[in-house]
């Protein structure tokens, strides 16, 4: 009887942990303003400003339903995607374990000099 109770508690703990992880992955931060950058690149950071290496960067269709291509941030948190033709706005999603997904729209402006920095929020 005690073994069944322990097994039940262990299973319940595992399910709560699993559901918490799934919930964290569905949390989304959406930047309302179009972000502007010289190139289709940025540095992804945590709330303290440290680089987030290995974050997944996806370009999506304007309705956020179709992923067109995927990249990753390097050890310094930086990603670079090639600009494509006459596209005016790029729809990007950035995901990393333990953080909320970040949705942003990016527009290119070759006159800019600074590097775009994007801060991820911790998942709750």
PDB file of N, CA and C in Angstrom:
ATOM      1  N   UNK A   1       0.814  -1.194   0.000  1.00  0.00           N
ATOM      2  CA  UNK A   1       0.000   0.000   0.000  1.00  0.00           C
ATOM      3  C   UNK A   1       0.866   1.270   0.000  1.00  0.00           C
ATOM      4  N   UNK A   2       1.907   1.279   0.823  1.00  0.00           N
ATOM      5  CA  UNK A   2       2.792   2.445   0.899  1.00  0.00           C
ATOM      6  C   UNK A   2       3.517   2.666  -0.423  1.00  0.00           C
ATOM      7  N   UNK A   3       3.869   1.579  -1.117  1.00  0.00           N
ATOM      8  CA  UNK A   3       4.542   1.697  -2.410  1.00  0.00           C
ATOM      9  C   UNK A   3       3.606   2.318  -3.439  1.00  0.00           C
ATOM     10  N   UNK A   4       2.341   1.907  -3.454  1.00  0.00           N
ATOM     11  CA  UNK A   4       1.368   2.482  -4.392  1.00  0.00           C
ATOM     12  C   UNK A   4       1.167   3.972  -4.122  1.00  0.00           C
ATOM     13  N   UNK A   5       1.129   4.345  -2.831  1.00  0.00           N
ATOM     14  CA  UNK A   5       0.957   5.750  -2.475  1.00  0.00           C
ATOM     15  C   UNK A   5       2.160   6.572  -2.944  1.00  0.00           C
ATOM     16  N   UNK A   6       3.363   6.053  -2.738  1.00  0.00           N
ATOM     17  CA  UNK A   6       4.576   6.745  -3.190  1.00  0.00           C
ATOM     18  C   UNK A   6       4.607   6.869  -4.708  1.00  0.00           C
ATOM     19  N   UNK A   7       4.225   5.793  -5.364  1.00  0.00           N
ATOM     20  CA  UNK A   7       4.188   5.813  -6.824  1.00  0.00           C
ATOM     21  C   UNK A   7       3.177   6.838  -7.330  1.00  0.00           C
ATOM     22  N   UNK A   8       2.027   6.914  -6.667  1.00  0.00           N
ATOM     23  CA  UNK A   8       1.007   7.901  -7.041  1.00  0.00           C
ATOM     24  C   UNK A   8       1.521   9.322  -6.843  1.00  0.00           C
ATOM     25  N   UNK A   9       2.208   9.569  -5.722  1.00  0.00           N
ATOM     26  CA  UNK A   9       2.771  10.894  -5.469  1.00  0.00           C
ATOM     27  C   UNK A   9       3.833  11.251  -6.503  1.00  0.00           C
ATOM     28  N   UNK A  10       4.679  10.289  -6.836  1.00  0.00           N
ATOM     29  CA  UNK A  10       5.718  10.517  -7.830  1.00  0.00           C
ATOM     30  C   UNK A  10       5.102  10.840  -9.188  1.00  0.00           C
ATOM     31  N   UNK A  11       4.066  10.104  -9.570  1.00  0.00           N
ATOM     32  CA  UNK A  11       3.384  10.344 -10.843  1.00  0.00           C
ATOM     33  C   UNK A  11       2.729  11.725 -10.843  1.00  0.00           C
ATOM     34  N   UNK A  12       2.091  12.097  -9.741  1.00  0.00           N
ATOM     35  CA  UNK A  12       1.447  13.412  -9.649  1.00  0.00           C
ATOM     36  C   UNK A  12       2.485  14.522  -9.768  1.00  0.00           C
ATOM     37  N   UNK A  13       3.630  14.374  -9.094  1.00  0.00           N
ATOM     38  CA  UNK A  13       4.693  15.367  -9.173  1.00  0.00           C
ATOM     39  C   UNK A  13       5.190  15.505 -10.604  1.00  0.00           C
ATOM     40  N   UNK A  14       5.397  14.384 -11.280  1.00  0.00           N
ATOM     41  CA  UNK A  14       5.871  14.393 -12.664  1.00  0.00           C
ATOM     42  C   UNK A  14       4.872  15.113 -13.569  1.00  0.00           C
ATOM     43  N   UNK A  15       3.581  14.855 -13.403  1.00  0.00           N
ATOM     44  CA  UNK A  15       2.567  15.503 -14.242  1.00  0.00           C
ATOM     45  C   UNK A  15       2.522  17.012 -14.007  1.00  0.00           C
ATOM     46  N   UNK A  16       2.642  17.440 -12.749  1.00  0.00           N
ATOM     47  CA  UNK A  16       2.650  18.873 -12.451  1.00  0.00           C
ATOM     48  C   UNK A  16       3.869  19.530 -13.093  1.00  0.00           C
ATOM     49  N   UNK A  17       5.030  18.893 -12.993  1.00  0.00           N
ATOM     50  CA  UNK A  17       6.248  19.440 -13.604  1.00  0.00           C
ATOM     51  C   UNK A  17       6.102  19.514 -15.113  1.00  0.00           C
ATOM     52  N   UNK A  18       5.542  18.486 -15.721  1.00  0.00           N
ATOM     53  CA  UNK A  18       5.355  18.447 -17.168  1.00  0.00           C
ATOM     54  C   UNK A  18       4.394  19.531 -17.625  1.00  0.00           C
ATOM     55  N   UNK A  19       3.287  19.699 -16.922  1.00  0.00           N
ATOM     56  CA  UNK A  19       2.318  20.735 -17.287  1.00  0.00           C
ATOM     57  C   UNK A  19       2.904  22.126 -17.095  1.00  0.00           C
ATOM     58  N   UNK A  20       3.700  22.315 -16.058  1.00  0.00           N
ATOM     59  CA  UNK A  20       4.345  23.615 -15.841  1.00  0.00           C
ATOM     60  C   UNK A  20       5.288  23.961 -16.975  1.00  0.00           C
ATOM     61  N   UNK A  21       6.051  22.981 -17.477  1.00  0.00           N
ATOM     62  CA  UNK A  21       6.960  23.203 -18.595  1.00  0.00           C
ATOM     63  C   UNK A  21       6.185  23.556 -19.855  1.00  0.00           C
ATOM     64  N   UNK A  22       5.092  22.844 -20.115  1.00  0.00           N
ATOM     65  CA  UNK A  22       4.274  23.122 -21.302  1.00  0.00           C
ATOM     66  C   UNK A  22       3.675  24.518 -21.219  1.00  0.00           C
ATOM     67  N   UNK A  23       3.225  24.921 -20.017  1.00  0.00           N
ATOM     68  CA  UNK A  23       2.648  26.244 -19.861  1.00  0.00           C
ATOM     69  C   UNK A  23       3.684  27.334 -20.112  1.00  0.00           C
ATOM     70  N   UNK A  24       4.905  27.130 -19.626  1.00  0.00           N
ATOM     71  CA  UNK A  24       5.965  28.113 -19.835  1.00  0.00           C
ATOM     72  C   UNK A  24       6.245  28.294 -21.322  1.00  0.00           C
ATOM     73  N   UNK A  25       6.168  27.231 -22.102  1.00  0.00           N
ATOM     74  CA  UNK A  25       6.442  27.319 -23.523  1.00  0.00           C
ATOM     75  C   UNK A  25       5.320  28.017 -24.288  1.00  0.00           C
ATOM     76  N   UNK A  26       4.104  28.121 -23.702  1.00  0.00           N
ATOM     77  CA  UNK A  26       3.016  28.783 -24.407  1.00  0.00           C
ATOM     78  C   UNK A  26       2.914  30.262 -24.042  1.00  0.00           C
ATOM     79  N   UNK A  27       3.669  30.721 -23.058  1.00  0.00           N
ATOM     80  CA  UNK A  27       3.656  32.133 -22.705  1.00  0.00           C
ATOM     81  C   UNK A  27       4.405  32.916 -23.778  1.00  0.00           C
ATOM     82  N   UNK A  28       3.791  34.013 -24.218  1.00  0.00           N
ATOM     83  CA  UNK A  28       4.385  34.793 -25.304  1.00  0.00           C
ATOM     84  C   UNK A  28       4.455  36.266 -24.916  1.00  0.00           C
ATOM     85  N   UNK A  29       5.599  36.863 -25.168  1.00  0.00           N
ATOM     86  CA  UNK A  29       5.755  38.313 -25.068  1.00  0.00           C
ATOM     87  C   UNK A  29       5.739  38.835 -26.496  1.00  0.00           C
ATOM     88  N   UNK A  30       4.880  39.791 -26.756  1.00  0.00           N
ATOM     89  CA  UNK A  30       4.796  40.368 -28.099  1.00  0.00           C
ATOM     90  C   UNK A  30       5.210  41.826 -28.037  1.00  0.00           C
ATOM     91  N   UNK A  31       6.236  42.179 -28.803  1.00  0.00           N
ATOM     92  CA  UNK A  31       6.651  43.582 -28.864  1.00  0.00           C
ATOM     93  C   UNK A  31       5.709  44.313 -29.805  1.00  0.00           C
ATOM     94  N   UNK A  32       5.002  45.332 -29.320  1.00  0.00           N
ATOM     95  CA  UNK A  32       4.004  46.009 -30.148  1.00  0.00           C
ATOM     96  C   UNK A  32       4.600  46.859 -31.265  1.00  0.00           C
ATOM     97  N   UNK A  33       5.782  47.403 -31.022  1.00  0.00           N
ATOM     98  CA  UNK A  33       6.427  48.272 -32.014  1.00  0.00           C
ATOM     99  C   UNK A  33       7.272  47.445 -32.979  1.00  0.00           C
ATOM    100  N   UNK A  34       7.335  47.879 -34.220  1.00  0.00           N
ATOM    101  CA  UNK A  34       8.238  47.251 -35.186  1.00  0.00           C
ATOM    102  C   UNK A  34       9.659  47.621 -34.782  1.00  0.00           C
ATOM    103  N   UNK A  35      10.527  46.615 -34.654  1.00  0.00           N
ATOM    104  CA  UNK A  35      11.923  46.837 -34.300  1.00  0.00           C
ATOM    105  C   UNK A  35      12.711  47.115 -35.583  1.00  0.00           C
ATOM    106  N   UNK A  36      13.675  48.008 -35.507  1.00  0.00           N
ATOM    107  CA  UNK A  36      14.453  48.365 -36.685  1.00  0.00           C
ATOM    108  C   UNK A  36      15.911  48.013 -36.452  1.00  0.00           C
ATOM    109  N   UNK A  37      16.511  47.409 -37.466  1.00  0.00           N
ATOM    110  CA  UNK A  37      17.902  46.998 -37.368  1.00  0.00           C
ATOM    111  C   UNK A  37      18.570  47.179 -38.725  1.00  0.00           C
ATOM    112  N   UNK A  38      19.874  47.327 -38.697  1.00  0.00           N
ATOM    113  CA  UNK A  38      20.643  47.475 -39.946  1.00  0.00           C
ATOM    114  C   UNK A  38      20.584  46.202 -40.779  1.00  0.00           C
ATOM    115  N   UNK A  39      20.708  45.052 -40.095  1.00  0.00           N
ATOM    116  CA  UNK A  39      20.638  43.748 -40.750  1.00  0.00           C
ATOM    117  C   UNK A  39      19.619  42.897 -40.008  1.00  0.00           C
ATOM    118  N   UNK A  40      19.290  41.762 -40.552  1.00  0.00           N
ATOM    119  CA  UNK A  40      18.350  40.854 -39.905  1.00  0.00           C
ATOM    120  C   UNK A  40      19.124  40.067 -38.848  1.00  0.00           C
ATOM    121  N   UNK A  41      19.469  40.792 -37.773  1.00  0.00           N
ATOM    122  CA  UNK A  41      20.283  40.214 -36.710  1.00  0.00           C
ATOM    123  C   UNK A  41      19.987  40.946 -35.410  1.00  0.00           C
ATOM    124  N   UNK A  42      20.353  40.311 -34.303  1.00  0.00           N
ATOM    125  CA  UNK A  42      20.199  40.921 -32.984  1.00  0.00           C
ATOM    126  C   UNK A  42      20.973  40.077 -31.980  1.00  0.00           C
ATOM    127  N   UNK A  43      21.102  40.607 -30.770  1.00  0.00           N
ATOM    128  CA  UNK A  43      21.671  39.864 -29.658  1.00  0.00           C
ATOM    129  C   UNK A  43      20.522  39.567 -28.701  1.00  0.00           C
ATOM    130  N   UNK A  44      20.353  38.293 -28.357  1.00  0.00           N
ATOM    131  CA  UNK A  44      19.285  37.865 -27.458  1.00  0.00           C
ATOM    132  C   UNK A  44      19.872  37.764 -26.051  1.00  0.00           C
ATOM    133  N   UNK A  45      19.188  38.415 -25.091  1.00  0.00           N
ATOM    134  CA  UNK A  45      19.685  38.483 -23.720  1.00  0.00           C
ATOM    135  C   UNK A  45      18.618  38.049 -22.722  1.00  0.00           C
ATOM    136  N   UNK A  46      19.084  37.652 -21.534  1.00  0.00           N
ATOM    137  CA  UNK A  46      18.162  37.377 -20.437  1.00  0.00           C
ATOM    138  C   UNK A  46      17.850  38.707 -19.742  1.00  0.00           C
ATOM    139  N   UNK A  47      16.964  38.726 -18.736  1.00  0.00           N
ATOM    140  CA  UNK A  47      16.607  40.006 -18.096  1.00  0.00           C
ATOM    141  C   UNK A  47      17.792  40.759 -17.492  1.00  0.00           C
ATOM    142  N   UNK A  48      18.861  40.038 -17.121  1.00  0.00           N
ATOM    143  CA  UNK A  48      20.038  40.696 -16.539  1.00  0.00           C
ATOM    144  C   UNK A  48      21.013  41.201 -17.592  1.00  0.00           C
ATOM    145  N   UNK A  49      20.749  40.919 -18.863  1.00  0.00           N
ATOM    146  CA  UNK A  49      21.630  41.383 -19.929  1.00  0.00           C
ATOM    147  C   UNK A  49      22.661  40.366 -20.379  1.00  0.00           C
ATOM    148  N   UNK A  50      22.615  39.148 -19.826  1.00  0.00           N
ATOM    149  CA  UNK A  50      23.550  38.098 -20.248  1.00  0.00           C
ATOM    150  C   UNK A  50      23.063  37.466 -21.546  1.00  0.00           C
ATOM    151  N   UNK A  51      24.000  37.045 -22.373  1.00  0.00           N
ATOM    152  CA  UNK A  51      23.673  36.411 -23.654  1.00  0.00           C
ATOM    153  C   UNK A  51      22.892  35.123 -23.425  1.00  0.00           C
ATOM    154  N   UNK A  52      21.976  34.815 -24.350  1.00  0.00           N
ATOM    155  CA  UNK A  52      21.224  33.560 -24.325  1.00  0.00           C
ATOM    156  C   UNK A  52      21.687  32.739 -25.529  1.00  0.00           C
ATOM    157  N   UNK A  53      22.677  31.870 -25.338  1.00  0.00           N
ATOM    158  CA  UNK A  53      23.155  31.040 -26.451  1.00  0.00           C
ATOM    159  C   UNK A  53      22.180  29.909 -26.756  1.00  0.00           C
ATOM    160  N   UNK A  54      22.113  29.527 -28.030  1.00  0.00           N
ATOM    161  CA  UNK A  54      21.290  28.388 -28.429  1.00  0.00           C
ATOM    162  C   UNK A  54      19.803  28.656 -28.523  1.00  0.00           C
ATOM    163  N   UNK A  55      19.377  29.909 -28.407  1.00  0.00           N
ATOM    164  CA  UNK A  55      17.955  30.227 -28.562  1.00  0.00           C
ATOM    165  C   UNK A  55      17.549  29.969 -30.011  1.00  0.00           C
ATOM    166  N   UNK A  56      16.344  29.484 -30.209  1.00  0.00           N
ATOM    167  CA  UNK A  56      15.838  29.210 -31.555  1.00  0.00           C
ATOM    168  C   UNK A  56      15.188  30.482 -32.104  1.00  0.00           C
ATOM    169  N   UNK A  57      15.591  30.864 -33.295  1.00  0.00           N
ATOM    170  CA  UNK A  57      15.046  32.044 -33.971  1.00  0.00           C
ATOM    171  C   UNK A  57      14.334  31.553 -35.225  1.00  0.00           C
ATOM    172  N   UNK A  58      13.037  31.819 -35.308  1.00  0.00           N
ATOM    173  CA  UNK A  58      12.246  31.377 -36.469  1.00  0.00           C
ATOM    174  C   UNK A  58      11.621  32.579 -37.159  1.00  0.00           C
ATOM    175  N   UNK A  59      11.637  32.543 -38.484  1.00  0.00           N
ATOM    176  CA  UNK A  59      10.878  33.532 -39.245  1.00  0.00           C
ATOM    177  C   UNK A  59       9.540  32.901 -39.587  1.00  0.00           C
ATOM    178  N   UNK A  60       8.467  33.647 -39.356  1.00  0.00           N
ATOM    179  CA  UNK A  60       7.111  33.163 -39.588  1.00  0.00           C
ATOM    180  C   UNK A  60       6.403  33.966 -40.663  1.00  0.00           C
ATOM    181  N   UNK A  61       5.319  33.401 -41.142  1.00  0.00           N
ATOM    182  CA  UNK A  61       4.406  34.119 -42.029  1.00  0.00           C
ATOM    183  C   UNK A  61       3.729  35.222 -41.204  1.00  0.00           C
ATOM    184  N   UNK A  62       3.182  36.252 -41.863  1.00  0.00           N
ATOM    185  CA  UNK A  62       2.568  37.368 -41.127  1.00  0.00           C
ATOM    186  C   UNK A  62       1.428  36.958 -40.185  1.00  0.00           C
ATOM    187  N   UNK A  63       0.796  35.819 -40.410  1.00  0.00           N
ATOM    188  CA  UNK A  63      -0.278  35.375 -39.510  1.00  0.00           C
ATOM    189  C   UNK A  63       0.238  34.465 -38.387  1.00  0.00           C
ATOM    190  N   UNK A  64       1.551  34.281 -38.292  1.00  0.00           N
ATOM    191  CA  UNK A  64       2.238  33.471 -37.271  1.00  0.00           C
ATOM    192  C   UNK A  64       1.873  31.992 -37.351  1.00  0.00           C
ATOM    193  N   UNK A  65       1.392  31.518 -38.498  1.00  0.00           N
ATOM    194  CA  UNK A  65       0.974  30.116 -38.610  1.00  0.00           C
ATOM    195  C   UNK A  65       2.003  29.214 -39.276  1.00  0.00           C
ATOM    196  N   UNK A  66       2.852  29.766 -40.151  1.00  0.00           N
ATOM    197  CA  UNK A  66       3.802  28.942 -40.907  1.00  0.00           C
ATOM    198  C   UNK A  66       5.232  29.405 -40.621  1.00  0.00           C
ATOM    199  N   UNK A  67       6.064  28.473 -40.158  1.00  0.00           N
ATOM    200  CA  UNK A  67       7.479  28.772 -39.938  1.00  0.00           C
ATOM    201  C   UNK A  67       8.208  28.631 -41.268  1.00  0.00           C
ATOM    202  N   UNK A  68       8.867  29.697 -41.710  1.00  0.00           N
ATOM    203  CA  UNK A  68       9.538  29.681 -43.003  1.00  0.00           C
ATOM    204  C   UNK A  68      10.993  29.221 -42.910  1.00  0.00           C
ATOM    205  N   UNK A  69      11.670  29.580 -41.824  1.00  0.00           N
ATOM    206  CA  UNK A  69      13.062  29.149 -41.656  1.00  0.00           C
ATOM    207  C   UNK A  69      13.453  29.307 -40.190  1.00  0.00           C
ATOM    208  N   UNK A  70      14.536  28.626 -39.832  1.00  0.00           N
ATOM    209  CA  UNK A  70      14.961  28.577 -38.434  1.00  0.00           C
ATOM    210  C   UNK A  70      16.468  28.785 -38.330  1.00  0.00           C
ATOM    211  N   UNK A  71      16.871  29.453 -37.273  1.00  0.00           N
ATOM    212  CA  UNK A  71      18.285  29.620 -36.953  1.00  0.00           C
ATOM    213  C   UNK A  71      18.468  29.541 -35.448  1.00  0.00           C
ATOM    214  N   UNK A  72      19.677  29.731 -34.987  1.00  0.00           N
ATOM    215  CA  UNK A  72      19.982  29.703 -33.553  1.00  0.00           C
ATOM    216  C   UNK A  72      20.943  30.835 -33.202  1.00  0.00           C
ATOM    217  N   UNK A  73      20.875  31.238 -31.945  1.00  0.00           N
ATOM    218  CA  UNK A  73      21.851  32.213 -31.478  1.00  0.00           C
ATOM    219  C   UNK A  73      23.162  31.503 -31.185  1.00  0.00           C
ATOM    220  N   UNK A  74      24.263  32.209 -31.371  1.00  0.00           N
ATOM    221  CA  UNK A  74      25.588  31.663 -31.085  1.00  0.00           C
ATOM    222  C   UNK A  74      25.931  31.810 -29.609  1.00  0.00           C
ATOM    223  N   UNK A  75      27.166  31.486 -29.238  1.00  0.00           N
ATOM    224  CA  UNK A  75      27.601  31.583 -27.838  1.00  0.00           C
ATOM    225  C   UNK A  75      27.469  32.997 -27.259  1.00  0.00           C
ATOM    226  N   UNK A  76      27.511  34.004 -28.133  1.00  0.00           N
ATOM    227  CA  UNK A  76      27.385  35.397 -27.687  1.00  0.00           C
ATOM    228  C   UNK A  76      25.938  35.894 -27.720  1.00  0.00           C
ATOM    229  N   UNK A  77      24.971  34.988 -28.012  1.00  0.00           N
ATOM    230  CA  UNK A  77      23.560  35.363 -28.064  1.00  0.00           C
ATOM    231  C   UNK A  77      23.132  36.006 -29.368  1.00  0.00           C
ATOM    232  N   UNK A  78      24.039  36.109 -30.316  1.00  0.00           N
ATOM    233  CA  UNK A  78      23.752  36.798 -31.584  1.00  0.00           C
ATOM    234  C   UNK A  78      23.214  35.821 -32.639  1.00  0.00           C
ATOM    235  N   UNK A  79      22.247  36.298 -33.397  1.00  0.00           N
ATOM    236  CA  UNK A  79      21.777  35.556 -34.563  1.00  0.00           C
ATOM    237  C   UNK A  79      21.840  36.460 -35.777  1.00  0.00           C
ATOM    238  N   UNK A  80      21.987  35.845 -36.934  1.00  0.00           N
ATOM    239  CA  UNK A  80      21.972  36.550 -38.212  1.00  0.00           C
ATOM    240  C   UNK A  80      21.187  35.692 -39.197  1.00  0.00           C
ATOM    241  N   UNK A  81      20.197  36.284 -39.839  1.00  0.00           N
ATOM    242  CA  UNK A  81      19.470  35.637 -40.926  1.00  0.00           C
ATOM    243  C   UNK A  81      19.673  36.481 -42.180  1.00  0.00           C
ATOM    244  N   UNK A  82      19.703  35.847 -43.309  1.00  0.00           N
ATOM    245  CA  UNK A  82      19.853  36.578 -44.571  1.00  0.00           C
ATOM    246  C   UNK A  82      18.550  37.309 -44.900  1.00  0.00           C
ATOM    247  N   UNK A  83      18.675  38.550 -45.326  1.00  0.00           N
ATOM    248  CA  UNK A  83      17.506  39.301 -45.791  1.00  0.00           C
ATOM    249  C   UNK A  83      17.023  38.690 -47.096  1.00  0.00           C
ATOM    250  N   UNK A  84      15.708  38.695 -47.291  1.00  0.00           N
ATOM    251  CA  UNK A  84      15.133  38.077 -48.487  1.00  0.00           C
ATOM    252  C   UNK A  84      14.392  39.127 -49.301  1.00  0.00           C
ATOM    253  N   UNK A  85      14.879  39.331 -50.509  1.00  0.00           N
ATOM    254  CA  UNK A  85      14.217  40.161 -51.512  1.00  0.00           C
ATOM    255  C   UNK A  85      13.564  41.434 -51.002  1.00  0.00           C
ATOM    256  N   UNK A  86      12.396  41.709 -51.531  1.00  0.00           N
ATOM    257  CA  UNK A  86      11.740  42.982 -51.235  1.00  0.00           C
ATOM    258  C   UNK A  86      10.896  42.967 -49.948  1.00  0.00           C
ATOM    259  N   UNK A  87      11.075  41.982 -49.104  1.00  0.00           N
ATOM    260  CA  UNK A  87      10.265  41.887 -47.888  1.00  0.00           C
ATOM    261  C   UNK A  87      10.485  43.122 -47.012  1.00  0.00           C
ATOM    262  N   UNK A  88       9.394  43.759 -46.592  1.00  0.00           N
ATOM    263  CA  UNK A  88       9.480  44.973 -45.780  1.00  0.00           C
ATOM    264  C   UNK A  88       9.547  44.660 -44.285  1.00  0.00           C
ATOM    265  N   UNK A  89       8.754  43.671 -43.847  1.00  0.00           N
ATOM    266  CA  UNK A  89       8.663  43.316 -42.433  1.00  0.00           C
ATOM    267  C   UNK A  89       8.943  41.821 -42.282  1.00  0.00           C
ATOM    268  N   UNK A  90       9.762  41.482 -41.284  1.00  0.00           N
ATOM    269  CA  UNK A  90      10.063  40.085 -40.947  1.00  0.00           C
ATOM    270  C   UNK A  90       9.382  39.774 -39.617  1.00  0.00           C
ATOM    271  N   UNK A  91       8.713  38.636 -39.542  1.00  0.00           N
ATOM    272  CA  UNK A  91       8.006  38.205 -38.345  1.00  0.00           C
ATOM    273  C   UNK A  91       8.849  37.127 -37.669  1.00  0.00           C
ATOM    274  N   UNK A  92       9.419  37.456 -36.513  1.00  0.00           N
ATOM    275  CA  UNK A  92      10.361  36.559 -35.856  1.00  0.00           C
ATOM    276  C   UNK A  92       9.835  36.088 -34.513  1.00  0.00           C
ATOM    277  N   UNK A  93      10.149  34.836 -34.203  1.00  0.00           N
ATOM    278  CA  UNK A  93       9.843  34.264 -32.893  1.00  0.00           C
ATOM    279  C   UNK A  93      11.144  33.730 -32.314  1.00  0.00           C
ATOM    280  N   UNK A  94      11.396  34.055 -31.051  1.00  0.00           N
ATOM    281  CA  UNK A  94      12.599  33.575 -30.373  1.00  0.00           C
ATOM    282  C   UNK A  94      12.155  32.754 -29.171  1.00  0.00           C
ATOM    283  N   UNK A  95      12.679  31.533 -29.066  1.00  0.00           N
ATOM    284  CA  UNK A  95      12.347  30.664 -27.947  1.00  0.00           C
ATOM    285  C   UNK A  95      13.622  30.116 -27.319  1.00  0.00           C
ATOM    286  N   UNK A  96      13.577  29.972 -25.998  1.00  0.00           N
ATOM    287  CA  UNK A  96      14.681  29.377 -25.242  1.00  0.00           C
ATOM    288  C   UNK A  96      14.085  28.780 -23.974  1.00  0.00           C
ATOM    289  N   UNK A  97      14.603  27.643 -23.527  1.00  0.00           N
ATOM    290  CA  UNK A  97      14.074  27.012 -22.315  1.00  0.00           C
ATOM    291  C   UNK A  97      14.131  27.958 -21.112  1.00  0.00           C
ATOM    292  N   UNK A  98      13.020  28.005 -20.366  1.00  0.00           N
ATOM    293  CA  UNK A  98      12.949  28.841 -19.170  1.00  0.00           C
ATOM    294  C   UNK A  98      12.508  30.272 -19.428  1.00  0.00           C
ATOM    295  N   UNK A  99      12.274  30.613 -20.702  1.00  0.00           N
ATOM    296  CA  UNK A  99      11.871  31.969 -21.061  1.00  0.00           C
ATOM    297  C   UNK A  99      10.557  31.943 -21.828  1.00  0.00           C
ATOM    298  N   UNK A 100       9.827  33.065 -21.775  1.00  0.00           N
ATOM    299  CA  UNK A 100       8.634  33.221 -22.596  1.00  0.00           C
ATOM    300  C   UNK A 100       9.068  33.356 -24.051  1.00  0.00           C
ATOM    301  N   UNK A 101       8.247  32.886 -24.969  1.00  0.00           N
ATOM    302  CA  UNK A 101       8.513  33.123 -26.389  1.00  0.00           C
ATOM    303  C   UNK A 101       8.440  34.623 -26.639  1.00  0.00           C
ATOM    304  N   UNK A 102       9.248  35.084 -27.569  1.00  0.00           N
ATOM    305  CA  UNK A 102       9.227  36.488 -27.952  1.00  0.00           C
ATOM    306  C   UNK A 102       8.802  36.586 -29.407  1.00  0.00           C
ATOM    307  N   UNK A 103       7.735  37.332 -29.665  1.00  0.00           N
ATOM    308  CA  UNK A 103       7.290  37.631 -31.033  1.00  0.00           C
ATOM    309  C   UNK A 103       7.638  39.079 -31.329  1.00  0.00           C
ATOM    310  N   UNK A 104       8.245  39.300 -32.487  1.00  0.00           N
ATOM    311  CA  UNK A 104       8.541  40.665 -32.877  1.00  0.00           C
ATOM    312  C   UNK A 104       8.497  40.800 -34.390  1.00  0.00           C
ATOM    313  N   UNK A 105       8.260  42.026 -34.805  1.00  0.00           N
ATOM    314  CA  UNK A 105       8.320  42.373 -36.223  1.00  0.00           C
ATOM    315  C   UNK A 105       9.575  43.198 -36.412  1.00  0.00           C
ATOM    316  N   UNK A 106      10.332  42.872 -37.463  1.00  0.00           N
ATOM    317  CA  UNK A 106      11.590  43.589 -37.694  1.00  0.00           C
ATOM    318  C   UNK A 106      11.610  44.181 -39.093  1.00  0.00           C
ATOM    319  N   UNK A 107      12.085  45.397 -39.152  1.00  0.00           N
ATOM    320  CA  UNK A 107      12.234  46.130 -40.414  1.00  0.00           C
ATOM    321  C   UNK A 107      13.706  46.510 -40.541  1.00  0.00           C
ATOM    322  N   UNK A 108      14.223  46.449 -41.756  1.00  0.00           N
ATOM    323  CA  UNK A 108      15.637  46.764 -41.976  1.00  0.00           C
ATOM    324  C   UNK A 108      15.824  48.220 -42.385  1.00  0.00           C
ATOM    325  N   UNK A 109      16.895  48.810 -41.837  1.00  0.00           N
ATOM    326  CA  UNK A 109      17.273  50.167 -42.191  1.00  0.00           C
ATOM    327  C   UNK A 109      18.802  50.195 -42.259  1.00  0.00           C
ATOM    328  N   UNK A 110      19.377  50.192 -43.479  1.00  0.00           N
ATOM    329  CA  UNK A 110      20.839  50.112 -43.614  1.00  0.00           C
ATOM    330  C   UNK A 110      21.593  51.305 -43.041  1.00  0.00           C
ATOM    331  N   UNK A 111      20.899  52.384 -42.678  1.00  0.00           N
ATOM    332  CA  UNK A 111      21.563  53.560 -42.125  1.00  0.00           C
ATOM    333  C   UNK A 111      21.862  53.431 -40.634  1.00  0.00           C
ATOM    334  N   UNK A 112      21.267  52.460 -39.972  1.00  0.00           N
ATOM    335  CA  UNK A 112      21.491  52.297 -38.534  1.00  0.00           C
ATOM    336  C   UNK A 112      22.868  51.714 -38.258  1.00  0.00           C
ATOM    337  N   UNK A 113      23.449  52.097 -37.135  1.00  0.00           N
ATOM    338  CA  UNK A 113      24.777  51.610 -36.764  1.00  0.00           C
ATOM    339  C   UNK A 113      24.734  50.653 -35.579  1.00  0.00           C
ATOM    340  N   UNK A 114      23.774  50.803 -34.679  1.00  0.00           N
ATOM    341  CA  UNK A 114      23.780  50.020 -33.438  1.00  0.00           C
ATOM    342  C   UNK A 114      23.220  48.612 -33.642  1.00  0.00           C
ATOM    343  N   UNK A 115      23.567  47.730 -32.705  1.00  0.00           N
ATOM    344  CA  UNK A 115      23.087  46.347 -32.716  1.00  0.00           C
ATOM    345  C   UNK A 115      21.804  46.276 -31.897  1.00  0.00           C
ATOM    346  N   UNK A 116      20.796  45.639 -32.444  1.00  0.00           N
ATOM    347  CA  UNK A 116      19.530  45.460 -31.737  1.00  0.00           C
ATOM    348  C   UNK A 116      19.719  44.441 -30.625  1.00  0.00           C
ATOM    349  N   UNK A 117      19.258  44.774 -29.424  1.00  0.00           N
ATOM    350  CA  UNK A 117      19.314  43.859 -28.277  1.00  0.00           C
ATOM    351  C   UNK A 117      17.892  43.509 -27.868  1.00  0.00           C
ATOM    352  N   UNK A 118      17.626  42.224 -27.771  1.00  0.00           N
ATOM    353  CA  UNK A 118      16.296  41.729 -27.415  1.00  0.00           C
ATOM    354  C   UNK A 118      16.374  40.991 -26.092  1.00  0.00           C
ATOM    355  N   UNK A 119      15.563  41.399 -25.121  1.00  0.00           N
ATOM    356  CA  UNK A 119      15.560  40.761 -23.806  1.00  0.00           C
ATOM    357  C   UNK A 119      14.384  39.817 -23.677  1.00  0.00           C
ATOM    358  N   UNK A 120      14.696  38.576 -23.308  1.00  0.00           N
ATOM    359  CA  UNK A 120      13.654  37.589 -23.047  1.00  0.00           C
ATOM    360  C   UNK A 120      13.191  37.724 -21.605  1.00  0.00           C
ATOM    361  N   UNK A 121      11.915  37.434 -21.377  1.00  0.00           N
ATOM    362  CA  UNK A 121      11.363  37.434 -20.024  1.00  0.00           C
ATOM    363  C   UNK A 121      11.379  36.010 -19.483  1.00  0.00           C
ATOM    364  N   UNK A 122      11.642  35.875 -18.195  1.00  0.00           N
ATOM    365  CA  UNK A 122      11.587  34.564 -17.557  1.00  0.00           C
ATOM    366  C   UNK A 122      10.164  34.036 -17.600  1.00  0.00           C
ATOM    367  N   UNK A 123      10.014  32.741 -17.856  1.00  0.00           N
ATOM    368  CA  UNK A 123       8.698  32.109 -17.815  1.00  0.00           C
ATOM    369  C   UNK A 123       8.266  31.964 -16.368  1.00  0.00           C
ATOM    370  N   UNK A 124       6.976  32.040 -16.144  1.00  0.00           N
ATOM    371  CA  UNK A 124       6.466  31.894 -14.775  1.00  0.00           C
ATOM    372  C   UNK A 124       5.717  30.604 -14.603  1.00  0.00           C
TER     373      UNK A 124
END
